[in-house]
Amino acid sequence: MPVVHISLINNHSLKFTGLDYTTVQEINQDTSATGWQSLIPVYRMPADTDMMDFQKPQPGKYTVTDSTVIFTPDTPFINHQAYLARYYHYAEGSNVWDDIKQHKKLGKPTYTDLIFKQ
């Protein structure tokens, strides 16, 4: 499984590194943001963290250089506001036994939440 890192660029964009190159290049063929929002959507963290799964993704633009992805939101990140980037592990080559050991739900991709604050 790749180790994904995020960093804030100039307080207005996110840089994702460590993403699977093949997955990034495949999604980059899609000109809409829908493909990117299925791999690494960015959300504003709600006050009630139990509601994280019900937030709408931040709209914005994704640009790619090799396997590095830059996300620039349509509206600037708010100071002192927490945000969440959810990285879905589609490139993970797992089998049924791996899924059982990791208690994965059938049909549900696994993900890692990356939380950052402006």
PDB file of N, CA and C in Angstrom:
ATOM      1  N   MET A   1       0.856  -1.177   0.000  1.00  0.00           N
ATOM      2  CA  MET A   1       0.000   0.000   0.000  1.00  0.00           C
ATOM      3  C   MET A   1       0.900   1.239   0.000  1.00  0.00           C
ATOM      4  N   PRO A   2       0.633   2.179  -0.910  1.00  0.00           N
ATOM      5  CA  PRO A   2       1.462   3.383  -0.946  1.00  0.00           C
ATOM      6  C   PRO A   2       1.236   4.257   0.286  1.00  0.00           C
ATOM      7  N   VAL A   3       2.282   4.983   0.659  1.00  0.00           N
ATOM      8  CA  VAL A   3       2.179   5.923   1.770  1.00  0.00           C
ATOM      9  C   VAL A   3       1.922   7.296   1.160  1.00  0.00           C
ATOM     10  N   VAL A   4       0.753   7.836   1.433  1.00  0.00           N
ATOM     11  CA  VAL A   4       0.335   9.106   0.855  1.00  0.00           C
ATOM     12  C   VAL A   4       0.604  10.233   1.844  1.00  0.00           C
ATOM     13  N   HIS A   5       1.158  11.316   1.339  1.00  0.00           N
ATOM     14  CA  HIS A   5       1.434  12.496   2.158  1.00  0.00           C
ATOM     15  C   HIS A   5       0.697  13.685   1.559  1.00  0.00           C
ATOM     16  N   ILE A   6       0.238  14.577   2.428  1.00  0.00           N
ATOM     17  CA  ILE A   6      -0.352  15.823   1.953  1.00  0.00           C
ATOM     18  C   ILE A   6       0.431  16.976   2.556  1.00  0.00           C
ATOM     19  N   SER A   7       0.509  18.045   1.787  1.00  0.00           N
ATOM     20  CA  SER A   7       1.133  19.265   2.301  1.00  0.00           C
ATOM     21  C   SER A   7       0.389  20.458   1.717  1.00  0.00           C
ATOM     22  N   LEU A   8       0.352  21.512   2.486  1.00  0.00           N
ATOM     23  CA  LEU A   8      -0.326  22.734   2.077  1.00  0.00           C
ATOM     24  C   LEU A   8       0.663  23.600   1.302  1.00  0.00           C
ATOM     25  N   ILE A   9       0.237  24.085   0.149  1.00  0.00           N
ATOM     26  CA  ILE A   9       1.077  24.936  -0.689  1.00  0.00           C
ATOM     27  C   ILE A   9       0.517  26.353  -0.653  1.00  0.00           C
ATOM     28  N   ASN A  10       1.308  27.291  -0.216  1.00  0.00           N
ATOM     29  CA  ASN A  10       0.918  28.711  -0.194  1.00  0.00           C
ATOM     30  C   ASN A  10      -0.434  28.953   0.464  1.00  0.00           C
ATOM     31  N   ASN A  11      -0.810  28.112   1.413  1.00  0.00           N
ATOM     32  CA  ASN A  11      -2.068  28.244   2.161  1.00  0.00           C
ATOM     33  C   ASN A  11      -3.318  28.199   1.292  1.00  0.00           C
ATOM     34  N   HIS A  12      -3.206  27.728   0.045  1.00  0.00           N
ATOM     35  CA  HIS A  12      -4.430  27.671  -0.766  1.00  0.00           C
ATOM     36  C   HIS A  12      -4.561  26.423  -1.635  1.00  0.00           C
ATOM     37  N   SER A  13      -3.570  25.541  -1.651  1.00  0.00           N
ATOM     38  CA  SER A  13      -3.650  24.302  -2.423  1.00  0.00           C
ATOM     39  C   SER A  13      -3.079  23.151  -1.610  1.00  0.00           C
ATOM     40  N   LEU A  14      -3.517  21.946  -1.931  1.00  0.00           N
ATOM     41  CA  LEU A  14      -2.996  20.741  -1.297  1.00  0.00           C
ATOM     42  C   LEU A  14      -2.167  19.961  -2.293  1.00  0.00           C
ATOM     43  N   LYS A  15      -1.041  19.442  -1.832  1.00  0.00           N
ATOM     44  CA  LYS A  15      -0.185  18.614  -2.669  1.00  0.00           C
ATOM     45  C   LYS A  15      -0.217  17.194  -2.110  1.00  0.00           C
ATOM     46  N   PHE A  16      -0.610  16.238  -2.960  1.00  0.00           N
ATOM     47  CA  PHE A  16      -0.650  14.825  -2.589  1.00  0.00           C
ATOM     48  C   PHE A  16       0.525  14.122  -3.255  1.00  0.00           C
ATOM     49  N   THR A  17       1.343  13.451  -2.467  1.00  0.00           N
ATOM     50  CA  THR A  17       2.443  12.659  -3.006  1.00  0.00           C
ATOM     51  C   THR A  17       2.330  11.243  -2.472  1.00  0.00           C
ATOM     52  N   GLY A  18       2.966  10.309  -3.167  1.00  0.00           N
ATOM     53  CA  GLY A  18       2.938   8.916  -2.750  1.00  0.00           C
ATOM     54  C   GLY A  18       1.755   8.141  -3.286  1.00  0.00           C
ATOM     55  N   LEU A  19       0.990   8.746  -4.190  1.00  0.00           N
ATOM     56  CA  LEU A  19      -0.159   8.058  -4.782  1.00  0.00           C
ATOM     57  C   LEU A  19       0.321   7.030  -5.803  1.00  0.00           C
ATOM     58  N   ASP A  20      -0.475   6.017  -6.053  1.00  0.00           N
ATOM     59  CA  ASP A  20      -0.159   5.004  -7.042  1.00  0.00           C
ATOM     60  C   ASP A  20      -0.135   5.636  -8.437  1.00  0.00           C
ATOM     61  N   TYR A  21       1.003   5.535  -9.126  1.00  0.00           N
ATOM     62  CA  TYR A  21       1.198   6.187 -10.429  1.00  0.00           C
ATOM     63  C   TYR A  21       0.158   5.741 -11.452  1.00  0.00           C
ATOM     64  N   THR A  22      -0.090   4.443 -11.556  1.00  0.00           N
ATOM     65  CA  THR A  22      -1.033   3.927 -12.547  1.00  0.00           C
ATOM     66  C   THR A  22      -2.434   4.456 -12.298  1.00  0.00           C
ATOM     67  N   THR A  23      -2.868   4.462 -11.050  1.00  0.00           N
ATOM     68  CA  THR A  23      -4.201   4.967 -10.706  1.00  0.00           C
ATOM     69  C   THR A  23      -4.315   6.452 -11.042  1.00  0.00           C
ATOM     70  N   VAL A  24      -3.283   7.229 -10.701  1.00  0.00           N
ATOM     71  CA  VAL A  24      -3.289   8.673 -10.974  1.00  0.00           C
ATOM     72  C   VAL A  24      -3.390   8.931 -12.471  1.00  0.00           C
ATOM     73  N   GLN A  25      -2.607   8.209 -13.266  1.00  0.00           N
ATOM     74  CA  GLN A  25      -2.632   8.419 -14.712  1.00  0.00           C
ATOM     75  C   GLN A  25      -3.977   8.001 -15.319  1.00  0.00           C
ATOM     76  N   GLU A  26      -4.568   6.962 -14.782  1.00  0.00           N
ATOM     77  CA  GLU A  26      -5.868   6.511 -15.282  1.00  0.00           C
ATOM     78  C   GLU A  26      -6.958   7.542 -14.980  1.00  0.00           C
ATOM     79  N   ILE A  27      -6.989   8.040 -13.761  1.00  0.00           N
ATOM     80  CA  ILE A  27      -8.005   9.035 -13.383  1.00  0.00           C
ATOM     81  C   ILE A  27      -7.752  10.348 -14.102  1.00  0.00           C
ATOM     82  N   ASN A  28      -6.496  10.653 -14.407  1.00  0.00           N
ATOM     83  CA  ASN A  28      -6.162  11.891 -15.099  1.00  0.00           C
ATOM     84  C   ASN A  28      -6.769  11.942 -16.505  1.00  0.00           C
ATOM     85  N   GLN A  29      -7.159  10.798 -17.059  1.00  0.00           N
ATOM     86  CA  GLN A  29      -7.804  10.763 -18.376  1.00  0.00           C
ATOM     87  C   GLN A  29      -9.213  11.358 -18.328  1.00  0.00           C
ATOM     88  N   ASP A  30      -9.822  11.353 -17.138  1.00  0.00           N
ATOM     89  CA  ASP A  30     -11.156  11.918 -16.936  1.00  0.00           C
ATOM     90  C   ASP A  30     -11.006  13.427 -16.749  1.00  0.00           C
ATOM     91  N   THR A  31     -11.684  14.217 -17.570  1.00  0.00           N
ATOM     92  CA  THR A  31     -11.536  15.672 -17.495  1.00  0.00           C
ATOM     93  C   THR A  31     -12.409  16.309 -16.420  1.00  0.00           C
ATOM     94  N   SER A  32     -13.318  15.552 -15.828  1.00  0.00           N
ATOM     95  CA  SER A  32     -14.164  16.109 -14.771  1.00  0.00           C
ATOM     96  C   SER A  32     -13.517  15.853 -13.416  1.00  0.00           C
ATOM     97  N   ALA A  33     -14.010  16.535 -12.400  1.00  0.00           N
ATOM     98  CA  ALA A  33     -13.492  16.334 -11.040  1.00  0.00           C
ATOM     99  C   ALA A  33     -14.059  15.066 -10.412  1.00  0.00           C
ATOM    100  N   THR A  34     -15.032  14.447 -11.039  1.00  0.00           N
ATOM    101  CA  THR A  34     -15.677  13.266 -10.475  1.00  0.00           C
ATOM    102  C   THR A  34     -14.691  12.136 -10.226  1.00  0.00           C
ATOM    103  N   GLY A  35     -13.791  11.901 -11.167  1.00  0.00           N
ATOM    104  CA  GLY A  35     -12.801  10.837 -10.998  1.00  0.00           C
ATOM    105  C   GLY A  35     -11.911  11.087  -9.799  1.00  0.00           C
ATOM    106  N   TRP A  36     -11.455  12.332  -9.657  1.00  0.00           N
ATOM    107  CA  TRP A  36     -10.586  12.673  -8.533  1.00  0.00           C
ATOM    108  C   TRP A  36     -11.332  12.584  -7.220  1.00  0.00           C
ATOM    109  N   GLN A  37     -12.593  12.959  -7.212  1.00  0.00           N
ATOM    110  CA  GLN A  37     -13.369  12.891  -5.979  1.00  0.00           C
ATOM    111  C   GLN A  37     -13.659  11.449  -5.589  1.00  0.00           C
ATOM    112  N   SER A  38     -13.462  10.506  -6.512  1.00  0.00           N
ATOM    113  CA  SER A  38     -13.610   9.099  -6.151  1.00  0.00           C
ATOM    114  C   SER A  38     -12.303   8.519  -5.607  1.00  0.00           C
ATOM    115  N   LEU A  39     -11.177   9.233  -5.784  1.00  0.00           N
ATOM    116  CA  LEU A  39      -9.887   8.774  -5.273  1.00  0.00           C
ATOM    117  C   LEU A  39      -9.436   9.559  -4.046  1.00  0.00           C
ATOM    118  N   ILE A  40      -9.439  10.898  -4.128  1.00  0.00           N
ATOM    119  CA  ILE A  40      -8.965  11.731  -3.017  1.00  0.00           C
ATOM    120  C   ILE A  40      -9.854  12.970  -2.846  1.00  0.00           C
ATOM    121  N   PRO A  41     -11.105  12.771  -2.436  1.00  0.00           N
ATOM    122  CA  PRO A  41     -11.945  13.945  -2.189  1.00  0.00           C
ATOM    123  C   PRO A  41     -11.467  14.701  -0.950  1.00  0.00           C
ATOM    124  N   VAL A  42     -11.721  15.998  -0.945  1.00  0.00           N
ATOM    125  CA  VAL A  42     -11.362  16.853   0.190  1.00  0.00           C
ATOM    126  C   VAL A  42     -12.657  17.392   0.771  1.00  0.00           C
ATOM    127  N   TYR A  43     -12.781  17.330   2.084  1.00  0.00           N
ATOM    128  CA  TYR A  43     -13.991  17.766   2.778  1.00  0.00           C
ATOM    129  C   TYR A  43     -13.638  18.777   3.856  1.00  0.00           C
ATOM    130  N   ARG A  44     -14.577  19.640   4.165  1.00  0.00           N
ATOM    131  CA  ARG A  44     -14.459  20.487   5.346  1.00  0.00           C
ATOM    132  C   ARG A  44     -14.897  19.633   6.529  1.00  0.00           C
ATOM    133  N   MET A  45     -14.110  19.632   7.589  1.00  0.00           N
ATOM    134  CA  MET A  45     -14.413  18.805   8.757  1.00  0.00           C
ATOM    135  C   MET A  45     -15.610  19.405   9.493  1.00  0.00           C
ATOM    136  N   PRO A  46     -16.675  18.618   9.689  1.00  0.00           N
ATOM    137  CA  PRO A  46     -17.825  19.144  10.430  1.00  0.00           C
ATOM    138  C   PRO A  46     -17.531  19.224  11.927  1.00  0.00           C
ATOM    139  N   ALA A  47     -18.268  20.056  12.621  1.00  0.00           N
ATOM    140  CA  ALA A  47     -18.105  20.180  14.077  1.00  0.00           C
ATOM    141  C   ALA A  47     -18.373  18.841  14.750  1.00  0.00           C
ATOM    142  N   ASP A  48     -19.367  18.112  14.274  1.00  0.00           N
ATOM    143  CA  ASP A  48     -19.684  16.782  14.782  1.00  0.00           C
ATOM    144  C   ASP A  48     -18.981  15.768  13.879  1.00  0.00           C
ATOM    145  N   THR A  49     -17.857  15.217  14.340  1.00  0.00           N
ATOM    146  CA  THR A  49     -17.068  14.324  13.492  1.00  0.00           C
ATOM    147  C   THR A  49     -17.797  13.033  13.122  1.00  0.00           C
ATOM    148  N   ASP A  50     -18.886  12.716  13.806  1.00  0.00           N
ATOM    149  CA  ASP A  50     -19.695  11.561  13.412  1.00  0.00           C
ATOM    150  C   ASP A  50     -20.365  11.794  12.057  1.00  0.00           C
ATOM    151  N   MET A  51     -20.402  13.041  11.622  1.00  0.00           N
ATOM    152  CA  MET A  51     -21.051  13.387  10.351  1.00  0.00           C
ATOM    153  C   MET A  51     -20.062  13.450   9.174  1.00  0.00           C
ATOM    154  N   MET A  52     -18.812  13.033   9.394  1.00  0.00           N
ATOM    155  CA  MET A  52     -17.787  13.105   8.335  1.00  0.00           C
ATOM    156  C   MET A  52     -18.224  12.402   7.050  1.00  0.00           C
ATOM    157  N   ASP A  53     -18.865  11.253   7.184  1.00  0.00           N
ATOM    158  CA  ASP A  53     -19.245  10.472   6.006  1.00  0.00           C
ATOM    159  C   ASP A  53     -20.389  11.091   5.215  1.00  0.00           C
ATOM    160  N   PHE A  54     -20.997  12.153   5.713  1.00  0.00           N
ATOM    161  CA  PHE A  54     -22.149  12.749   5.052  1.00  0.00           C
ATOM    162  C   PHE A  54     -21.847  14.113   4.437  1.00  0.00           C
ATOM    163  N   GLN A  55     -20.581  14.528   4.424  1.00  0.00           N
ATOM    164  CA  GLN A  55     -20.197  15.828   3.873  1.00  0.00           C
ATOM    165  C   GLN A  55     -20.083  15.753   2.356  1.00  0.00           C
ATOM    166  N   LYS A  56     -20.331  16.872   1.701  1.00  0.00           N
ATOM    167  CA  LYS A  56     -20.119  16.959   0.254  1.00  0.00           C
ATOM    168  C   LYS A  56     -18.665  17.362   0.020  1.00  0.00           C
ATOM    169  N   PRO A  57     -18.039  16.805  -1.031  1.00  0.00           N
ATOM    170  CA  PRO A  57     -16.640  17.171  -1.308  1.00  0.00           C
ATOM    171  C   PRO A  57     -16.502  18.652  -1.663  1.00  0.00           C
ATOM    172  N   GLN A  58     -15.343  19.230  -1.300  1.00  0.00           N
ATOM    173  CA  GLN A  58     -15.032  20.601  -1.690  1.00  0.00           C
ATOM    174  C   GLN A  58     -14.865  20.625  -3.205  1.00  0.00           C
ATOM    175  N   PRO A  59     -15.551  21.531  -3.897  1.00  0.00           N
ATOM    176  CA  PRO A  59     -15.296  21.636  -5.342  1.00  0.00           C
ATOM    177  C   PRO A  59     -13.940  22.298  -5.563  1.00  0.00           C
ATOM    178  N   GLY A  60     -13.308  21.942  -6.652  1.00  0.00           N
ATOM    179  CA  GLY A  60     -12.017  22.532  -6.963  1.00  0.00           C
ATOM    180  C   GLY A  60     -11.395  21.885  -8.176  1.00  0.00           C
ATOM    181  N   LYS A  61     -10.145  22.231  -8.413  1.00  0.00           N
ATOM    182  CA  LYS A  61      -9.426  21.770  -9.593  1.00  0.00           C
ATOM    183  C   LYS A  61      -8.268  20.866  -9.167  1.00  0.00           C
ATOM    184  N   TYR A  62      -8.129  19.735  -9.853  1.00  0.00           N
ATOM    185  CA  TYR A  62      -7.035  18.808  -9.626  1.00  0.00           C
ATOM    186  C   TYR A  62      -6.085  18.882 -10.816  1.00  0.00           C
ATOM    187  N   THR A  63      -4.787  19.027 -10.555  1.00  0.00           N
ATOM    188  CA  THR A  63      -3.776  18.991 -11.608  1.00  0.00           C
ATOM    189  C   THR A  63      -2.747  17.924 -11.255  1.00  0.00           C
ATOM    190  N   VAL A  64      -2.141  17.339 -12.299  1.00  0.00           N
ATOM    191  CA  VAL A  64      -1.255  16.203 -12.106  1.00  0.00           C
ATOM    192  C   VAL A  64       0.109  16.438 -12.746  1.00  0.00           C
ATOM    193  N   THR A  65       1.169  16.033 -12.017  1.00  0.00           N
ATOM    194  CA  THR A  65       2.519  15.942 -12.562  1.00  0.00           C
ATOM    195  C   THR A  65       3.059  14.601 -12.087  1.00  0.00           C
ATOM    196  N   ASP A  66       3.271  13.671 -13.009  1.00  0.00           N
ATOM    197  CA  ASP A  66       3.673  12.294 -12.686  1.00  0.00           C
ATOM    198  C   ASP A  66       2.658  11.688 -11.721  1.00  0.00           C
ATOM    199  N   SER A  67       3.076  11.382 -10.476  1.00  0.00           N
ATOM    200  CA  SER A  67       2.120  10.827  -9.510  1.00  0.00           C
ATOM    201  C   SER A  67       1.801  11.836  -8.409  1.00  0.00           C
ATOM    202  N   THR A  68       2.160  13.104  -8.625  1.00  0.00           N
ATOM    203  CA  THR A  68       1.834  14.165  -7.675  1.00  0.00           C
ATOM    204  C   THR A  68       0.559  14.853  -8.125  1.00  0.00           C
ATOM    205  N   VAL A  69      -0.372  15.027  -7.198  1.00  0.00           N
ATOM    206  CA  VAL A  69      -1.648  15.664  -7.509  1.00  0.00           C
ATOM    207  C   VAL A  69      -1.771  16.925  -6.656  1.00  0.00           C
ATOM    208  N   ILE A  70      -2.160  18.029  -7.303  1.00  0.00           N
ATOM    209  CA  ILE A  70      -2.397  19.297  -6.607  1.00  0.00           C
ATOM    210  C   ILE A  70      -3.893  19.578  -6.652  1.00  0.00           C
ATOM    211  N   PHE A  71      -4.471  19.835  -5.484  1.00  0.00           N
ATOM    212  CA  PHE A  71      -5.888  20.207  -5.396  1.00  0.00           C
ATOM    213  C   PHE A  71      -5.977  21.664  -4.968  1.00  0.00           C
ATOM    214  N   THR A  72      -6.680  22.465  -5.774  1.00  0.00           N
ATOM    215  CA  THR A  72      -6.934  23.863  -5.435  1.00  0.00           C
ATOM    216  C   THR A  72      -8.444  24.043  -5.330  1.00  0.00           C
ATOM    217  N   PRO A  73      -8.960  24.350  -4.142  1.00  0.00           N
ATOM    218  CA  PRO A  73     -10.409  24.482  -3.979  1.00  0.00           C
ATOM    219  C   PRO A  73     -10.933  25.734  -4.684  1.00  0.00           C
ATOM    220  N   ASP A  74     -12.212  25.684  -5.048  1.00  0.00           N
ATOM    221  CA  ASP A  74     -12.857  26.847  -5.682  1.00  0.00           C
ATOM    222  C   ASP A  74     -12.916  28.034  -4.729  1.00  0.00           C
ATOM    223  N   THR A  75     -13.088  27.758  -3.450  1.00  0.00           N
ATOM    224  CA  THR A  75     -13.072  28.815  -2.432  1.00  0.00           C
ATOM    225  C   THR A  75     -11.902  28.527  -1.502  1.00  0.00           C
ATOM    226  N   PRO A  76     -11.189  29.549  -1.034  1.00  0.00           N
ATOM    227  CA  PRO A  76      -9.989  29.330  -0.214  1.00  0.00           C
ATOM    228  C   PRO A  76     -10.294  28.563   1.068  1.00  0.00           C
ATOM    229  N   PHE A  77      -9.294  27.832   1.533  1.00  0.00           N
ATOM    230  CA  PHE A  77      -9.403  27.182   2.833  1.00  0.00           C
ATOM    231  C   PHE A  77      -9.532  28.269   3.902  1.00  0.00           C
ATOM    232  N   ILE A  78     -10.309  27.982   4.941  1.00  0.00           N
ATOM    233  CA  ILE A  78     -10.566  28.945   6.013  1.00  0.00           C
ATOM    234  C   ILE A  78      -9.534  28.737   7.117  1.00  0.00           C
ATOM    235  N   ASN A  79      -8.975  29.836   7.623  1.00  0.00           N
ATOM    236  CA  ASN A  79      -8.009  29.752   8.717  1.00  0.00           C
ATOM    237  C   ASN A  79      -8.619  29.068   9.933  1.00  0.00           C
ATOM    238  N   HIS A  80      -7.830  28.226  10.587  1.00  0.00           N
ATOM    239  CA  HIS A  80      -8.204  27.507  11.806  1.00  0.00           C
ATOM    240  C   HIS A  80      -9.337  26.501  11.594  1.00  0.00           C
ATOM    241  N   GLN A  81      -9.642  26.191  10.347  1.00  0.00           N
ATOM    242  CA  GLN A  81     -10.668  25.196  10.028  1.00  0.00           C
ATOM    243  C   GLN A  81      -9.969  23.878   9.689  1.00  0.00           C
ATOM    244  N   ALA A  82     -10.462  22.777  10.242  1.00  0.00           N
ATOM    245  CA  ALA A  82      -9.923  21.454   9.913  1.00  0.00           C
ATOM    246  C   ALA A  82     -10.582  20.937   8.643  1.00  0.00           C
ATOM    247  N   TYR A  83      -9.794  20.231   7.851  1.00  0.00           N
ATOM    248  CA  TYR A  83     -10.266  19.614   6.615  1.00  0.00           C
ATOM    249  C   TYR A  83      -9.839  18.157   6.605  1.00  0.00           C
ATOM    250  N   LEU A  84     -10.480  17.405   5.741  1.00  0.00           N
ATOM    251  CA  LEU A  84     -10.240  15.979   5.644  1.00  0.00           C
ATOM    252  C   LEU A  84     -10.045  15.617   4.178  1.00  0.00           C
ATOM    253  N   ALA A  85      -8.956  14.936   3.878  1.00  0.00           N
ATOM    254  CA  ALA A  85      -8.755  14.353   2.552  1.00  0.00           C
ATOM    255  C   ALA A  85      -8.865  12.843   2.742  1.00  0.00           C
ATOM    256  N   ARG A  86      -9.729  12.209   1.992  1.00  0.00           N
ATOM    257  CA  ARG A  86      -9.952  10.768   2.127  1.00  0.00           C
ATOM    258  C   ARG A  86      -9.336  10.078   0.911  1.00  0.00           C
ATOM    259  N   TYR A  87      -8.339   9.247   1.168  1.00  0.00           N
ATOM    260  CA  TYR A  87      -7.652   8.526   0.095  1.00  0.00           C
ATOM    261  C   TYR A  87      -8.184   7.099   0.016  1.00  0.00           C
ATOM    262  N   TYR A  88      -8.803   6.750  -1.125  1.00  0.00           N
ATOM    263  CA  TYR A  88      -9.341   5.415  -1.334  1.00  0.00           C
ATOM    264  C   TYR A  88      -8.262   4.509  -1.916  1.00  0.00           C
ATOM    265  N   HIS A  89      -8.155   3.305  -1.404  1.00  0.00           N
ATOM    266  CA  HIS A  89      -7.100   2.353  -1.779  1.00  0.00           C
ATOM    267  C   HIS A  89      -7.553   1.432  -2.908  1.00  0.00           C
ATOM    268  N   TYR A  90      -7.769   1.978  -4.090  1.00  0.00           N
ATOM    269  CA  TYR A  90      -8.211   1.153  -5.210  1.00  0.00           C
ATOM    270  C   TYR A  90      -7.098   0.286  -5.769  1.00  0.00           C
ATOM    271  N   ALA A  91      -5.866   0.727  -5.711  1.00  0.00           N
ATOM    272  CA  ALA A  91      -4.761   0.002  -6.336  1.00  0.00           C
ATOM    273  C   ALA A  91      -4.268  -1.156  -5.488  1.00  0.00           C
ATOM    274  N   GLU A  92      -4.789  -1.285  -4.304  1.00  0.00           N
ATOM    275  CA  GLU A  92      -4.357  -2.342  -3.407  1.00  0.00           C
ATOM    276  C   GLU A  92      -4.747  -3.689  -3.986  1.00  0.00           C
ATOM    277  N   GLY A  93      -3.779  -4.525  -4.258  1.00  0.00           N
ATOM    278  CA  GLY A  93      -4.071  -5.851  -4.783  1.00  0.00           C
ATOM    279  C   GLY A  93      -4.359  -6.805  -3.646  1.00  0.00           C
ATOM    280  N   SER A  94      -5.612  -6.960  -3.300  1.00  0.00           N
ATOM    281  CA  SER A  94      -5.943  -7.841  -2.187  1.00  0.00           C
ATOM    282  C   SER A  94      -6.775  -9.010  -2.697  1.00  0.00           C
ATOM    283  N   ASN A  95      -6.852 -10.022  -1.869  1.00  0.00           N
ATOM    284  CA  ASN A  95      -7.695 -11.155  -2.205  1.00  0.00           C
ATOM    285  C   ASN A  95      -8.738 -11.313  -1.098  1.00  0.00           C
ATOM    286  N   VAL A  96      -9.568 -12.313  -1.227  1.00  0.00           N
ATOM    287  CA  VAL A  96     -10.659 -12.519  -0.274  1.00  0.00           C
ATOM    288  C   VAL A  96     -10.126 -12.698   1.143  1.00  0.00           C
ATOM    289  N   TRP A  97      -9.019 -13.444   1.313  1.00  0.00           N
ATOM    290  CA  TRP A  97      -8.489 -13.695   2.655  1.00  0.00           C
ATOM    291  C   TRP A  97      -7.959 -12.406   3.281  1.00  0.00           C
ATOM    292  N   ASP A  98      -7.329 -11.541   2.475  1.00  0.00           N
ATOM    293  CA  ASP A  98      -6.880 -10.247   3.000  1.00  0.00           C
ATOM    294  C   ASP A  98      -8.073  -9.431   3.473  1.00  0.00           C
ATOM    295  N   ASP A  99      -9.134  -9.441   2.677  1.00  0.00           N
ATOM    296  CA  ASP A  99     -10.340  -8.686   3.029  1.00  0.00           C
ATOM    297  C   ASP A  99     -10.940  -9.192   4.341  1.00  0.00           C
ATOM    298  N   ILE A 100     -10.959 -10.516   4.531  1.00  0.00           N
ATOM    299  CA  ILE A 100     -11.518 -11.093   5.760  1.00  0.00           C
ATOM    300  C   ILE A 100     -10.648 -10.714   6.958  1.00  0.00           C
ATOM    301  N   LYS A 101      -9.327 -10.827   6.822  1.00  0.00           N
ATOM    302  CA  LYS A 101      -8.420 -10.485   7.922  1.00  0.00           C
ATOM    303  C   LYS A 101      -8.530  -9.022   8.319  1.00  0.00           C
ATOM    304  N   GLN A 102      -8.754  -8.146   7.341  1.00  0.00           N
ATOM    305  CA  GLN A 102      -8.827  -6.716   7.619  1.00  0.00           C
ATOM    306  C   GLN A 102     -10.251  -6.253   7.907  1.00  0.00           C
ATOM    307  N   HIS A 103     -11.199  -7.199   7.971  1.00  0.00           N
ATOM    308  CA  HIS A 103     -12.602  -6.915   8.291  1.00  0.00           C
ATOM    309  C   HIS A 103     -13.212  -5.918   7.302  1.00  0.00           C
ATOM    310  N   LYS A 104     -12.877  -6.054   6.032  1.00  0.00           N
ATOM    311  CA  LYS A 104     -13.439  -5.175   5.019  1.00  0.00           C
ATOM    312  C   LYS A 104     -14.864  -5.606   4.710  1.00  0.00           C
ATOM    313  N   LYS A 105     -15.698  -4.648   4.399  1.00  0.00           N
ATOM    314  CA  LYS A 105     -17.059  -4.949   3.987  1.00  0.00           C
ATOM    315  C   LYS A 105     -17.061  -5.145   2.479  1.00  0.00           C
ATOM    316  N   LEU A 106     -17.749  -6.171   2.032  1.00  0.00           N
ATOM    317  CA  LEU A 106     -17.796  -6.448   0.602  1.00  0.00           C
ATOM    318  C   LEU A 106     -18.365  -5.264  -0.162  1.00  0.00           C
ATOM    319  N   GLY A 107     -17.733  -4.938  -1.271  1.00  0.00           N
ATOM    320  CA  GLY A 107     -18.200  -3.843  -2.110  1.00  0.00           C
ATOM    321  C   GLY A 107     -17.825  -2.457  -1.618  1.00  0.00           C
ATOM    322  N   LYS A 108     -17.143  -2.359  -0.481  1.00  0.00           N
ATOM    323  CA  LYS A 108     -16.758  -1.067   0.092  1.00  0.00           C
ATOM    324  C   LYS A 108     -15.241  -0.915  -0.007  1.00  0.00           C
ATOM    325  N   PRO A 109     -14.753   0.097  -0.722  1.00  0.00           N
ATOM    326  CA  PRO A 109     -13.303   0.281  -0.779  1.00  0.00           C
ATOM    327  C   PRO A 109     -12.765   0.767   0.563  1.00  0.00           C
ATOM    328  N   THR A 110     -11.533   0.388   0.851  1.00  0.00           N
ATOM    329  CA  THR A 110     -10.906   0.880   2.081  1.00  0.00           C
ATOM    330  C   THR A 110     -10.344   2.268   1.809  1.00  0.00           C
ATOM    331  N   TYR A 111     -10.164   3.025   2.867  1.00  0.00           N
ATOM    332  CA  TYR A 111      -9.643   4.379   2.710  1.00  0.00           C
ATOM    333  C   TYR A 111      -8.856   4.790   3.944  1.00  0.00           C
ATOM    334  N   THR A 112      -8.072   5.842   3.759  1.00  0.00           N
ATOM    335  CA  THR A 112      -7.326   6.454   4.847  1.00  0.00           C
ATOM    336  C   THR A 112      -7.736   7.905   4.908  1.00  0.00           C
ATOM    337  N   ASP A 113      -8.062   8.407   6.107  1.00  0.00           N
ATOM    338  CA  ASP A 113      -8.407   9.802   6.273  1.00  0.00           C
ATOM    339  C   ASP A 113      -7.153  10.591   6.648  1.00  0.00           C
ATOM    340  N   LEU A 114      -6.905  11.654   5.901  1.00  0.00           N
ATOM    341  CA  LEU A 114      -5.775  12.537   6.146  1.00  0.00           C
ATOM    342  C   LEU A 114      -6.349  13.876   6.591  1.00  0.00           C
ATOM    343  N   ILE A 115      -6.138  14.233   7.853  1.00  0.00           N
ATOM    344  CA  ILE A 115      -6.743  15.442   8.414  1.00  0.00           C
ATOM    345  C   ILE A 115      -5.695  16.546   8.476  1.00  0.00           C
ATOM    346  N   PHE A 116      -6.077  17.733   8.052  1.00  0.00           N
ATOM    347  CA  PHE A 116      -5.164  18.877   8.105  1.00  0.00           C
ATOM    348  C   PHE A 116      -5.935  20.109   8.510  1.00  0.00           C
ATOM    349  N   LYS A 117      -5.214  21.096   8.995  1.00  0.00           N
ATOM    350  CA  LYS A 117      -5.827  22.342   9.448  1.00  0.00           C
ATOM    351  C   LYS A 117      -5.119  23.501   8.762  1.00  0.00           C
ATOM    352  N   GLN A 118      -5.899  24.451   8.293  1.00  0.00           N
ATOM    353  CA  GLN A 118      -5.389  25.651   7.649  1.00  0.00           C
ATOM    354  C   GLN A 118      -4.814  26.573   8.678  1.00  0.00           C
TER     355      GLN A 118
END
